[in-house]
Protein backbone atom coordinates (compact mmCIF):
# COMPACT_ATOMS: atom_id res chain seq x y z
CA MET A 1 -0.09 0.23 0.11
CA VAL A 2 1.51 3.34 -0.92
CA THR A 3 0.91 6.31 1.62
CA SER A 4 1.07 9.59 1.35
CA CYS A 5 4.04 10.23 3.65
CA SER A 6 7.20 10.62 1.78
CA ALA A 7 10.07 7.95 2.38
CA ALA A 8 12.43 10.47 2.77
CA SER A 9 10.96 11.76 5.82
CA ALA A 10 12.55 8.86 8.21
CA THR A 11 16.04 9.39 6.44
CA MET A 12 16.78 12.85 8.22
CA ASN A 13 19.53 12.68 10.79
CA ALA A 14 22.64 15.19 11.44
CA THR A 15 24.93 12.21 10.44
CA THR A 16 23.36 11.14 7.18
CA SER A 17 23.27 12.97 3.75
CA ALA A 18 19.75 12.13 3.15
CA THR A 19 16.66 14.88 2.36
CA SER A 20 12.83 14.63 2.90
CA GLY A 21 10.66 15.68 0.22
CA ALA A 22 9.09 18.81 0.35
CA SER A 23 5.95 17.46 1.44
CA VAL A 24 7.05 15.79 4.40
CA LEU A 25 9.21 18.63 5.39
CA ARG A 26 6.37 21.16 5.30
CA GLY A 27 4.27 18.59 7.70
CA ARG A 28 7.44 18.92 9.79
CA ARG A 29 7.76 21.78 9.89
CA ALA A 30 4.00 22.71 11.01
CA ALA A 31 4.97 20.27 13.79
CA ALA A 32 7.64 21.83 14.94
CA ALA A 33 5.94 25.22 14.72
CA ARG A 34 3.96 23.91 17.59
CA GLY A 35 6.96 22.47 19.42
CA THR A 36 10.20 22.77 19.88
CA LEU A 37 11.18 25.08 17.13
CA SER A 38 9.38 28.05 18.86
CA LEU A 39 12.14 30.49 20.43
CA PRO A 40 10.06 32.26 23.07
CA ALA A 41 11.63 35.74 24.18
CA ALA A 42 13.02 34.49 27.37
CA ARG A 43 14.34 31.55 26.18
CA ARG A 44 16.07 33.18 23.42
CA ASN A 45 17.68 35.85 25.66
CA ALA A 46 18.62 33.66 27.60
CA MET A 47 20.73 32.11 24.81
CA ARG A 48 22.11 35.60 24.28
CA ARG A 49 23.02 36.36 27.72
CA LYS A 50 25.15 32.91 27.83
CA THR A 51 26.88 33.85 24.42
CA GLY A 52 27.55 37.24 25.22
CA GLY A 53 24.94 38.60 22.28
CA GLY A 54 23.19 41.19 25.31
CA GLY A 55 19.35 40.35 25.31
CA GLY A 56 18.03 42.08 27.59
CA GLY A 57 15.45 44.48 29.17
CA ALA A 58 14.11 47.66 28.16
CA LYS A 59 17.25 48.84 26.45
CA SER A 60 17.27 49.38 23.22
CA LYS A 61 20.05 47.87 20.61
CA THR A 62 21.96 49.88 18.57
CA THR A 63 23.91 47.91 15.50
CA VAL A 64 27.26 48.27 14.57
CA ILE A 65 28.33 46.73 11.35
CA THR A 66 32.10 45.63 11.09
CA ASN A 67 32.86 43.74 8.00
CA GLY A 68 29.98 43.08 7.05
CA MET A 69 28.90 41.29 10.58
CA GLU A 70 26.24 42.55 13.39
CA GLU A 71 28.43 43.37 16.19
CA ASP A 72 26.36 41.65 18.57
CA ALA A 73 26.96 38.43 16.41
CA ILE A 74 30.34 39.45 16.70
CA ASN A 75 30.64 39.31 20.25
CA ALA A 76 28.71 36.09 20.88
CA TYR A 77 31.06 34.59 18.11
CA ASN A 78 33.79 35.51 20.06
CA ASN A 79 32.44 34.68 23.54
CA ALA A 80 30.95 31.06 22.81
CA THR A 81 32.45 27.69 22.95
CA PRO A 82 35.17 27.42 20.33
CA MET A 83 33.92 26.58 16.97
CA PRO A 84 34.43 23.74 15.17
CA PRO A 85 37.45 24.82 12.61
CA ASN A 86 34.57 24.05 9.38
CA VAL A 87 32.45 27.27 11.07
CA ALA A 88 33.57 31.07 9.68
CA PRO A 89 32.21 34.09 11.39
CA GLU A 90 29.84 34.52 8.73
CA GLU A 91 28.23 31.27 9.25
CA PHE A 92 27.83 31.37 12.97
CA GLU A 93 26.03 34.78 12.32
CA ARG A 94 23.60 32.93 10.05
CA PHE A 95 22.94 30.66 12.81
CA TYR A 96 22.55 33.92 15.22
CA GLN A 97 20.04 35.66 13.13
CA LEU A 98 18.05 32.32 13.30
CA ILE A 99 17.98 32.15 16.96
CA SER A 100 17.49 35.95 17.50
CA CYS A 101 13.83 35.74 15.44
CA GLU A 102 10.90 36.98 17.38
CA THR A 103 8.66 33.92 16.25
CA THR A 104 8.92 30.25 14.91
CA GLU A 105 7.63 31.70 11.22
CA GLU A 106 10.42 33.86 11.02
CA VAL A 107 13.13 31.54 11.76
CA ILE A 108 11.54 28.90 9.09
CA ALA A 109 11.48 31.93 6.52
CA LYS A 110 15.06 33.39 7.26
CA ALA A 111 16.15 29.32 7.06
CA GLU A 112 14.37 28.98 4.05
CA GLU A 113 16.29 32.21 2.79
CA PHE A 114 19.15 31.01 3.52
CA GLY A 115 18.69 27.55 1.83
CA GLN A 116 17.50 29.14 -1.30
CA GLN A 117 20.46 31.27 -1.41
CA GLY A 118 22.96 28.60 -0.89
CA LEU A 119 24.12 30.19 2.74
CA LEU A 120 22.69 27.28 4.60
CA THR A 121 25.86 25.83 4.84
CA GLU A 122 27.63 22.63 6.91
CA GLY A 123 29.27 25.41 9.04
CA VAL A 124 26.29 26.84 9.83
CA VAL A 125 24.52 23.56 10.91
CA ALA A 126 27.67 22.92 12.82
CA ALA A 127 27.58 26.19 14.84
CA SER A 128 24.15 25.20 15.68
CA HIS A 129 25.12 21.68 16.94
CA ALA A 130 28.10 23.12 18.65
CA MET A 131 26.07 26.03 20.49
CA LEU A 132 23.37 23.13 21.42
CA GLU A 133 26.26 20.84 23.65
CA GLU A 134 27.67 23.53 25.16
CA SER A 135 24.36 24.53 26.25
CA LYS A 136 24.00 21.13 28.01
CA LYS A 137 27.64 21.24 29.07
CA ARG A 138 26.31 24.48 31.10
CA ASN A 139 23.07 22.62 32.24
CA ASP A 140 20.70 25.42 31.14
CA ASP A 141 17.22 25.99 31.35
CA GLU A 142 15.89 22.66 30.01
CA ARG A 143 13.74 25.08 27.76
CA VAL A 144 16.79 26.69 26.20
CA ILE A 145 18.29 23.21 25.49
CA ALA A 146 14.78 22.16 23.83
CA SER A 147 14.77 25.34 21.73
CA LEU A 148 18.40 24.94 20.46
CA GLN A 149 17.45 21.12 19.91
CA GLY A 150 14.63 22.03 18.00
CA VAL A 151 16.70 24.41 15.57
CA LEU A 152 19.12 22.34 15.02
CA SER A 153 16.52 19.49 13.90
CA PHE A 154 15.19 21.82 11.48
CA LEU A 155 18.18 23.28 9.85
CA VAL A 156 19.29 19.84 9.35
CA GLN A 157 16.05 18.73 7.48
CA LEU A 158 16.92 22.15 5.28
CA TYR A 159 20.48 21.20 4.70
CA GLN A 160 19.45 17.98 3.95
CA LYS A 161 16.57 18.94 1.76
CA TYR A 162 19.02 21.53 -0.27
CA ASN A 163 21.46 18.82 -0.51
CA ALA A 164 19.56 15.88 -1.74
CA PRO A 165 21.60 13.23 -3.60
CA PRO A 166 20.38 12.47 -7.07
CA THR A 167 18.95 8.93 -5.50
CA LEU A 168 16.83 9.91 -2.88
CA GLY A 169 15.21 12.69 -5.29
CA VAL A 170 14.49 9.50 -7.48
CA ILE A 171 12.73 7.75 -4.74
CA ASP A 172 10.72 10.85 -3.45
CA ASN A 173 9.62 11.10 -7.76
CA ILE A 174 8.87 7.44 -7.45
CA ILE A 175 6.82 7.47 -4.23
CA ARG A 176 4.64 10.45 -5.76
CA GLU A 177 4.13 8.88 -8.79
CA TRP A 178 2.65 5.63 -6.94
CA GLN A 179 0.88 7.71 -4.83
CA ILE A 180 -0.66 9.67 -7.89
CA MET A 181 -1.87 5.74 -9.89
CA ALA A 182 -3.26 4.66 -6.19
CA GLU A 183 -5.50 7.75 -6.11
CA LYS A 184 -7.11 7.02 -9.79
CA GLY A 185 -7.39 3.26 -8.70
CA GLU A 186 -4.61 2.12 -11.39
CA THR A 187 -2.42 0.36 -9.23
CA THR A 188 -0.58 -2.98 -10.35
CA ASP A 189 3.02 -4.18 -9.81
CA GLU A 190 3.92 -4.18 -13.82
CA LYS A 191 3.08 -0.11 -13.71
CA MET A 192 4.82 0.40 -10.03
CA LYS A 193 7.95 -1.46 -11.79
CA GLU A 194 7.38 0.59 -15.28
CA ILE A 195 7.62 4.02 -13.19
CA VAL A 196 10.61 2.61 -11.34
CA ARG A 197 12.61 2.01 -14.36
CA ARG A 198 11.47 5.33 -16.18
CA VAL A 199 11.82 7.46 -12.93
CA ALA A 200 15.31 5.89 -12.30
CA LYS A 201 16.54 6.46 -16.13
CA GLU A 202 15.14 10.08 -16.13
CA GLY A 203 17.03 10.50 -13.09
CA ASN A 204 20.12 8.96 -14.58
CA VAL A 205 20.31 6.97 -11.37
CA GLU A 206 21.20 2.73 -12.39
CA LEU A 207 19.38 0.38 -10.88
CA ALA A 208 22.24 -0.91 -8.98
CA GLU A 209 23.01 1.97 -7.61
CA LEU A 210 19.68 2.68 -6.45
CA ALA A 211 19.59 -0.64 -4.88
CA GLY A 212 22.37 0.34 -2.63
CA ALA A 213 21.05 3.81 -1.60
CA VAL A 214 17.70 2.18 -0.47
CA ASP A 215 19.89 0.16 1.89
CA GLY A 216 21.74 2.69 3.12
CA PHE A 217 18.73 4.84 3.71
CA LYS A 218 17.04 1.74 5.41
CA ALA A 219 20.12 1.85 7.80
CA SER A 220 19.86 5.06 8.51
CA MET A 221 16.08 4.59 9.26
CA ASP A 222 17.15 2.22 11.60
CA GLU A 223 19.80 4.47 13.84
CA GLN A 224 16.61 7.22 13.62
CA ASP A 225 14.35 4.85 15.05
CA VAL A 226 16.36 3.92 17.90
CA GLN A 227 17.28 8.02 18.77
CA PHE A 228 13.79 8.51 18.40
CA GLU A 229 12.77 6.04 20.66
CA GLN A 230 15.69 7.20 23.08
CA GLN A 231 14.98 10.54 22.92
CA GLU A 232 11.09 10.10 23.50
CA ALA A 233 11.96 8.06 26.50
CA GLU A 234 13.82 10.76 27.86
CA LEU A 235 10.62 13.23 27.49
CA ARG A 236 8.15 10.93 28.92
CA SER A 237 10.64 10.23 32.25
CA ARG A 238 10.82 13.92 32.74
CA PRO A 239 8.82 14.73 36.49
CA GLU A 240 6.26 17.18 34.17
CA GLY A 241 5.64 14.70 31.70
CA VAL A 242 4.48 15.70 28.51
CA THR A 243 1.75 17.90 27.32
CA PRO A 244 -1.01 16.71 25.19
CA GLU A 245 -0.10 18.76 21.91
CA VAL A 246 3.76 17.10 22.24
CA ASP A 247 2.22 13.44 22.84
CA GLU A 248 0.32 14.05 19.58
CA GLU A 249 3.39 15.28 17.85
CA LEU A 250 5.18 12.10 18.96
CA THR A 251 2.42 9.94 17.64
CA GLN A 252 2.58 11.98 14.46
CA MET A 253 6.06 11.51 13.83
CA ARG A 254 6.25 7.45 14.98
CA THR A 255 3.35 7.20 12.57
CA MET A 256 5.06 9.10 9.89
CA ARG A 257 8.36 7.30 10.23
CA LEU A 258 6.69 3.74 10.05
CA ALA A 259 4.86 4.87 6.92
CA ALA A 260 8.54 6.17 5.43
CA LYS A 261 9.88 2.84 6.02
CA GLU A 262 7.63 1.06 4.81
CA GLN A 263 7.66 2.86 1.45
CA MET A 264 11.53 2.79 1.33
CA VAL A 265 11.03 -1.38 2.06
CA LEU A 266 8.75 -1.24 -1.32
CA VAL A 267 11.06 0.67 -3.44
CA GLY A 268 13.78 -1.50 -2.47
CA LYS A 269 11.85 -4.76 -3.11
CA ILE A 270 10.59 -3.48 -6.74
CA VAL A 271 13.99 -2.41 -7.28
CA LYS A 272 15.66 -5.80 -6.95
CA GLU A 273 12.73 -7.34 -8.72
CA ILE A 274 13.40 -5.42 -12.20
CA MET A 275 17.52 -5.41 -11.86
């Protein structure tokens, strides 16, 4: 059975090179907008105080531009935990712009803008990861850590979206065409195989290469399932428990991951049958 969830959604991980289809990413953005991606002013200011970027109170802020970088971003960069060698100051500034946004919608819009302009680099994601790890070491407020985790997860997803390997694009297109066929009630094994042959050829991807990629994506999904279960267990073990909204999001994500894995398995099965 072909579901409406893209198989690529469950391959998202900071240590993998996969990306999600746009339809699934939009769904995850919607979930993130209701959850950990949000950056309320109190959390944002806490992060600014920790990084030396200012943040407070009713004081007005005067922005000074130095070599194209805002002074508060420079201060944050200089006072933050030592950045990985692959993070340039301008990349940290882009990350800082994101956590300085007033609303979730602004975070999403700015990150998308960076992605479209080719500015959402590995260094931006690495800066986000480094800041999260430092926040954990300092034992910051759990809400600050949750916000940084949410931003990192979203940046990983978006980075992968704009750096999708050809094989994953082919897989997404295969599933999309299967879905269209299913909606018309025209699904047959032979038609599914024909779609795989045609889409792989259009994407200049050999079937053997596609089969190997599917195996790799499935392995990544298995690893992510373990991480997801661990993270969920940690959330539920907290004294305050989880809110109904978070519980709903976790259920939705679990459903999406299961559907995505089933789709990836089906693609792999069909590919190997026609090789």
